[in-house]
Amino acid sequence: MNKNICYLLLIIVFIFSSDLSLAGSDAKQGGSVKIIEIEPSLYTPLRVGSEVLFKVKIEYEIKEDPRAIKLIIQKRKDLYSGRINSTGIGNTEEVLIHGKGQIILEKEIKIPDANAVEIVIIVKIPGQVQGLRAHMESYNVIK
């Protein structure tokens, strides 16, 4: 089985298990976020130079302090080197308040010359630089 197929299978498994507890081991205390829809489809290759609108629909429950949820879009040059080689190319952030709900994070970007484009969802306390990476997906890029 080649690396692309293995990578795709790993992504598919990750999609169906995309849930993050905000309180470490006690999910009932802090809350959770879950990606319920991503556009464009992860099966859609992205063409270099095209404008693409990314939409990520998220279901959440916040039980404590407000949380910021951030969508980061980054390009990746080398998928299989084993080292992080990603550069941010766009992001958007919203603050989630106490309670349950759904939110759609959107960001339009021009697809750069790269091997892949990744979308990353981060959950953090507003004002903090660091947060918990809740989810990451990767798209193939074609020239």
Foldseek 3Di string as FASTA:
>chain_A
DDPVVVQVVVQVVCLVVQKDQPPVPDSVAAKIKHWDDWPPDLADAAEAFDKGKIKTKMKIAGADAKKKKKKWKWAAADDPPPDGRIDTDDMDIDIDGHGIDMDMDIDIDHHHPHQKMKIWMFMGHPPDPDTHTRDMGIHGYDD
